[in-house]
Amino acid sequence: MDLISDGIYNLIIFVLAIYVGYHVVWNVTPALHTPLMAVTNAISAIVIVGAMLAAALTVTPLGKTMGTLAVALAAVNVFGGFLVTRRMLEMFKKKAPKAASAAAPVEK
């Protein structure tokens, strides 16, 4: 007989994961934000695979619905992360020089 149910253990792990994740993300230096986003996208891709497996192996309608919802939310996270990463990388590209005609004033 268990003194503490499995649900309580899962809740404790979930709360600890939130706490550790918060401190890991907020203590990252700005130079490492782009690599962190890339790693986060990879982890979200793994979450999609796990959610698909969980949805496929569940027999209850609630489980199937929650698994499908998990797949959808993780997919939104992956695609949004790639969009944010692309925008961040575009900030580091050199800007094209302006045309010479636009730089010189027009005299009449």
C-alpha atoms as a PDB file:
ATOM      1  CA  MET A   1       0.000   0.000   0.000  1.00  0.00           C
ATOM      2  CA  ASP A   2       1.390   3.381  -1.040  1.00  0.00           C
ATOM      3  CA  LEU A   3       1.436   6.200   1.473  1.00  0.00           C
ATOM      4  CA  ILE A   4       1.440   8.827  -1.271  1.00  0.00           C
ATOM      5  CA  SER A   5      -0.479   8.387  -4.513  1.00  0.00           C
ATOM      6  CA  ASP A   6       1.173   8.516  -7.912  1.00  0.00           C
ATOM      7  CA  GLY A   7      -0.763  11.694  -8.732  1.00  0.00           C
ATOM      8  CA  ILE A   8       0.950  13.533  -5.869  1.00  0.00           C
ATOM      9  CA  TYR A   9       4.364  12.375  -7.094  1.00  0.00           C
ATOM     10  CA  ASN A  10       3.529  13.601 -10.605  1.00  0.00           C
ATOM     11  CA  LEU A  11       2.346  16.951  -9.222  1.00  0.00           C
ATOM     12  CA  ILE A  12       5.580  17.371  -7.225  1.00  0.00           C
ATOM     13  CA  ILE A  13       7.686  16.591 -10.319  1.00  0.00           C
ATOM     14  CA  PHE A  14       5.619  19.042 -12.384  1.00  0.00           C
ATOM     15  CA  VAL A  15       6.045  21.870  -9.857  1.00  0.00           C
ATOM     16  CA  LEU A  16       9.785  21.225  -9.553  1.00  0.00           C
ATOM     17  CA  ALA A  17      10.142  21.214 -13.352  1.00  0.00           C
ATOM     18  CA  ILE A  18       8.391  24.603 -13.533  1.00  0.00           C
ATOM     19  CA  TYR A  19      10.674  26.005 -10.818  1.00  0.00           C
ATOM     20  CA  VAL A  20      13.905  24.730 -12.380  1.00  0.00           C
ATOM     21  CA  GLY A  21      12.819  25.734 -15.892  1.00  0.00           C
ATOM     22  CA  TYR A  22      11.992  29.261 -14.759  1.00  0.00           C
ATOM     23  CA  HIS A  23      15.394  29.763 -13.154  1.00  0.00           C
ATOM     24  CA  VAL A  24      17.287  28.199 -16.048  1.00  0.00           C
ATOM     25  CA  VAL A  25      15.592  30.363 -18.686  1.00  0.00           C
ATOM     26  CA  TRP A  26      15.689  33.677 -16.811  1.00  0.00           C
ATOM     27  CA  ASN A  27      19.376  33.352 -15.896  1.00  0.00           C
ATOM     28  CA  VAL A  28      20.566  32.900 -19.495  1.00  0.00           C
ATOM     29  CA  THR A  29      22.802  35.637 -20.869  1.00  0.00           C
ATOM     30  CA  PRO A  30      21.425  37.461 -23.941  1.00  0.00           C
ATOM     31  CA  ALA A  31      24.146  35.996 -26.180  1.00  0.00           C
ATOM     32  CA  LEU A  32      22.776  32.499 -25.586  1.00  0.00           C
ATOM     33  CA  HIS A  33      19.107  33.181 -26.339  1.00  0.00           C
ATOM     34  CA  THR A  34      19.267  31.969 -29.960  1.00  0.00           C
ATOM     35  CA  PRO A  35      20.936  28.620 -29.133  1.00  0.00           C
ATOM     36  CA  LEU A  36      18.486  28.194 -26.256  1.00  0.00           C
ATOM     37  CA  MET A  37      15.569  28.693 -28.640  1.00  0.00           C
ATOM     38  CA  ALA A  38      17.014  26.075 -31.001  1.00  0.00           C
ATOM     39  CA  VAL A  39      17.329  23.552 -28.174  1.00  0.00           C
ATOM     40  CA  THR A  40      13.811  24.363 -26.995  1.00  0.00           C
ATOM     41  CA  ASN A  41      12.497  23.627 -30.490  1.00  0.00           C
ATOM     42  CA  ALA A  42      14.237  20.250 -30.443  1.00  0.00           C
ATOM     43  CA  ILE A  43      12.754  19.419 -27.037  1.00  0.00           C
ATOM     44  CA  SER A  44       9.296  20.423 -28.263  1.00  0.00           C
ATOM     45  CA  ALA A  45       9.719  18.075 -31.216  1.00  0.00           C
ATOM     46  CA  ILE A  46      10.406  15.258 -28.751  1.00  0.00           C
ATOM     47  CA  VAL A  47       7.269  16.297 -26.841  1.00  0.00           C
ATOM     48  CA  ILE A  48       5.256  15.943 -30.059  1.00  0.00           C
ATOM     49  CA  VAL A  49       6.481  12.371 -30.505  1.00  0.00           C
ATOM     50  CA  GLY A  50       5.672  11.534 -26.875  1.00  0.00           C
ATOM     51  CA  ALA A  51       2.224  13.109 -27.137  1.00  0.00           C
ATOM     52  CA  MET A  52       1.474  11.122 -30.295  1.00  0.00           C
ATOM     53  CA  LEU A  53       2.492   7.906 -28.536  1.00  0.00           C
ATOM     54  CA  ALA A  54       0.408   8.783 -25.486  1.00  0.00           C
ATOM     55  CA  ALA A  55      -2.619   9.613 -27.627  1.00  0.00           C
ATOM     56  CA  ALA A  56      -2.252   6.409 -29.629  1.00  0.00           C
ATOM     57  CA  LEU A  57      -1.907   4.143 -26.580  1.00  0.00           C
ATOM     58  CA  THR A  58      -4.817   5.654 -24.640  1.00  0.00           C
ATOM     59  CA  VAL A  59      -8.193   3.947 -24.786  1.00  0.00           C
ATOM     60  CA  THR A  60     -10.401   6.572 -23.161  1.00  0.00           C
ATOM     61  CA  PRO A  61     -11.869   9.476 -25.157  1.00  0.00           C
ATOM     62  CA  LEU A  62     -10.524  11.975 -22.613  1.00  0.00           C
ATOM     63  CA  GLY A  63      -7.011  10.570 -23.057  1.00  0.00           C
ATOM     64  CA  LYS A  64      -7.277  10.773 -26.843  1.00  0.00           C
ATOM     65  CA  THR A  65      -8.512  14.361 -26.612  1.00  0.00           C
ATOM     66  CA  MET A  66      -5.755  15.396 -24.208  1.00  0.00           C
ATOM     67  CA  GLY A  67      -3.115  13.687 -26.376  1.00  0.00           C
ATOM     68  CA  THR A  68      -4.380  15.446 -29.489  1.00  0.00           C
ATOM     69  CA  LEU A  69      -4.395  18.756 -27.630  1.00  0.00           C
ATOM     70  CA  ALA A  70      -0.816  18.115 -26.465  1.00  0.00           C
ATOM     71  CA  VAL A  71       0.293  17.422 -30.043  1.00  0.00           C
ATOM     72  CA  ALA A  72      -1.383  20.616 -31.283  1.00  0.00           C
ATOM     73  CA  LEU A  73       0.097  22.826 -28.552  1.00  0.00           C
ATOM     74  CA  ALA A  74       3.586  21.378 -28.969  1.00  0.00           C
ATOM     75  CA  ALA A  75       3.363  21.915 -32.749  1.00  0.00           C
ATOM     76  CA  VAL A  76       2.395  25.552 -32.219  1.00  0.00           C
ATOM     77  CA  ASN A  77       5.359  25.876 -29.857  1.00  0.00           C
ATOM     78  CA  VAL A  78       7.777  24.387 -32.416  1.00  0.00           C
ATOM     79  CA  PHE A  79       6.615  26.554 -35.321  1.00  0.00           C
ATOM     80  CA  GLY A  80       6.467  29.683 -33.172  1.00  0.00           C
ATOM     81  CA  GLY A  81       9.953  28.962 -31.874  1.00  0.00           C
ATOM     82  CA  PHE A  82      11.317  28.653 -35.399  1.00  0.00           C
ATOM     83  CA  LEU A  83       9.697  31.962 -36.359  1.00  0.00           C
ATOM     84  CA  VAL A  84      11.177  33.710 -33.322  1.00  0.00           C
ATOM     85  CA  THR A  85      14.606  32.172 -33.957  1.00  0.00           C
ATOM     86  CA  ARG A  86      14.518  33.325 -37.591  1.00  0.00           C
ATOM     87  CA  ARG A  87      13.622  36.868 -36.552  1.00  0.00           C
ATOM     88  CA  MET A  88      16.423  36.886 -33.981  1.00  0.00           C
ATOM     89  CA  LEU A  89      18.957  35.696 -36.556  1.00  0.00           C
ATOM     90  CA  GLU A  90      17.809  38.360 -39.044  1.00  0.00           C
ATOM     91  CA  MET A  91      18.769  41.019 -36.495  1.00  0.00           C
ATOM     92  CA  PHE A  92      22.422  39.986 -36.882  1.00  0.00           C
ATOM     93  CA  LYS A  93      22.490  40.193 -40.686  1.00  0.00           C
ATOM     94  CA  LYS A  94      24.271  43.137 -42.237  1.00  0.00           C
ATOM     95  CA  LYS A  95      21.940  45.660 -43.766  1.00  0.00           C
ATOM     96  CA  ALA A  96      22.217  46.307 -47.498  1.00  0.00           C
ATOM     97  CA  PRO A  97      23.799  49.666 -48.370  1.00  0.00           C
ATOM     98  CA  LYS A  98      21.364  52.273 -49.580  1.00  0.00           C
ATOM     99  CA  ALA A  99      21.440  53.246 -53.221  1.00  0.00           C
ATOM    100  CA  ALA A 100      23.666  56.210 -54.141  1.00  0.00           C
ATOM    101  CA  SER A 101      20.768  58.091 -55.677  1.00  0.00           C
ATOM    102  CA  ALA A 102      18.787  57.937 -52.467  1.00  0.00           C
ATOM    103  CA  ALA A 103      21.718  59.276 -50.415  1.00  0.00           C
ATOM    104  CA  ALA A 104      22.379  62.362 -52.575  1.00  0.00           C
ATOM    105  CA  PRO A 105      19.909  65.243 -52.303  1.00  0.00           C
ATOM    106  CA  VAL A 106      18.121  66.259 -55.463  1.00  0.00           C
ATOM    107  CA  GLU A 107      18.760  69.869 -56.557  1.00  0.00           C
ATOM    108  CA  LYS A 108      16.536  71.905 -58.843  1.00  0.00           C
END
